[in-house]
């Protein structure tokens, strides 16, 4: 389980840090705000890949 998340220079994120993640997290936002990019970054992490 992830406790925190740090993304740098990925898609539209120059730098994003989420310090506290729970067991269940809700991702909400307007169109083109980075929701899919966040999920893609998590997917790459889970696959142990490099963008």
C-alpha atoms as a PDB file:
ATOM      1  CA  UNK A   1       0.000   0.000   0.000  1.00  0.00           C
ATOM      2  CA  UNK A   2       1.256   3.486  -0.833  1.00  0.00           C
ATOM      3  CA  UNK A   3       1.439   6.031   1.976  1.00  0.00           C
ATOM      4  CA  UNK A   4       2.390   8.987  -0.219  1.00  0.00           C
ATOM      5  CA  UNK A   5       2.988   9.863  -3.857  1.00  0.00           C
ATOM      6  CA  UNK A   6       5.513  12.112  -5.589  1.00  0.00           C
ATOM      7  CA  UNK A   7       5.421  12.761  -9.341  1.00  0.00           C
ATOM      8  CA  UNK A   8       7.875  15.009 -11.169  1.00  0.00           C
ATOM      9  CA  UNK A   9       7.883  15.981 -14.867  1.00  0.00           C
ATOM     10  CA  UNK A  10       5.205  13.537 -15.985  1.00  0.00           C
ATOM     11  CA  UNK A  11       2.643  14.730 -18.528  1.00  0.00           C
ATOM     12  CA  UNK A  12       1.087  17.926 -17.118  1.00  0.00           C
ATOM     13  CA  UNK A  13       2.631  17.506 -13.654  1.00  0.00           C
ATOM     14  CA  UNK A  14       5.783  19.544 -13.170  1.00  0.00           C
ATOM     15  CA  UNK A  15       5.726  18.467  -9.536  1.00  0.00           C
ATOM     16  CA  UNK A  16       2.972  16.806  -7.511  1.00  0.00           C
ATOM     17  CA  UNK A  17       3.201  15.549  -3.959  1.00  0.00           C
ATOM     18  CA  UNK A  18       0.414  13.849  -2.045  1.00  0.00           C
ATOM     19  CA  UNK A  19       1.644  13.265   1.484  1.00  0.00           C
ATOM     20  CA  UNK A  20      -1.146  11.150   2.927  1.00  0.00           C
ATOM     21  CA  UNK A  21      -2.912   8.447   0.963  1.00  0.00           C
ATOM     22  CA  UNK A  22      -5.579   6.310   2.552  1.00  0.00           C
ATOM     23  CA  UNK A  23      -6.666   2.772   1.823  1.00  0.00           C
ATOM     24  CA  UNK A  24      -9.339   4.198  -0.481  1.00  0.00           C
ATOM     25  CA  UNK A  25      -8.816   7.473  -2.373  1.00  0.00           C
ATOM     26  CA  UNK A  26     -11.250   9.433  -4.516  1.00  0.00           C
ATOM     27  CA  UNK A  27      -9.855  11.275  -7.536  1.00  0.00           C
ATOM     28  CA  UNK A  28     -12.102  14.104  -8.694  1.00  0.00           C
ATOM     29  CA  UNK A  29     -11.531  17.163 -10.843  1.00  0.00           C
ATOM     30  CA  UNK A  30     -12.544  19.101 -13.910  1.00  0.00           C
ATOM     31  CA  UNK A  31     -11.814  17.937 -17.437  1.00  0.00           C
ATOM     32  CA  UNK A  32      -8.125  18.061 -18.364  1.00  0.00           C
ATOM     33  CA  UNK A  33      -7.008  18.458 -14.739  1.00  0.00           C
ATOM     34  CA  UNK A  34      -4.755  15.375 -14.635  1.00  0.00           C
ATOM     35  CA  UNK A  35      -6.955  12.599 -13.258  1.00  0.00           C
ATOM     36  CA  UNK A  36      -6.002  10.163 -16.020  1.00  0.00           C
ATOM     37  CA  UNK A  37      -2.337  11.221 -15.890  1.00  0.00           C
ATOM     38  CA  UNK A  38      -2.316  10.459 -12.159  1.00  0.00           C
ATOM     39  CA  UNK A  39      -3.753   6.993 -12.774  1.00  0.00           C
ATOM     40  CA  UNK A  40      -1.244   6.380 -15.584  1.00  0.00           C
ATOM     41  CA  UNK A  41       1.624   7.344 -13.270  1.00  0.00           C
ATOM     42  CA  UNK A  42       0.327   4.898 -10.659  1.00  0.00           C
ATOM     43  CA  UNK A  43       0.022   2.212 -13.336  1.00  0.00           C
ATOM     44  CA  UNK A  44       3.642   2.770 -14.426  1.00  0.00           C
ATOM     45  CA  UNK A  45       4.748   2.553 -10.813  1.00  0.00           C
ATOM     46  CA  UNK A  46       2.809  -0.675 -10.317  1.00  0.00           C
ATOM     47  CA  UNK A  47       4.366  -2.153 -13.474  1.00  0.00           C
ATOM     48  CA  UNK A  48       7.814  -0.911 -12.366  1.00  0.00           C
ATOM     49  CA  UNK A  49       8.257   0.882 -15.694  1.00  0.00           C
ATOM     50  CA  UNK A  50       9.789   4.166 -16.729  1.00  0.00           C
ATOM     51  CA  UNK A  51       7.781   6.746 -18.729  1.00  0.00           C
END
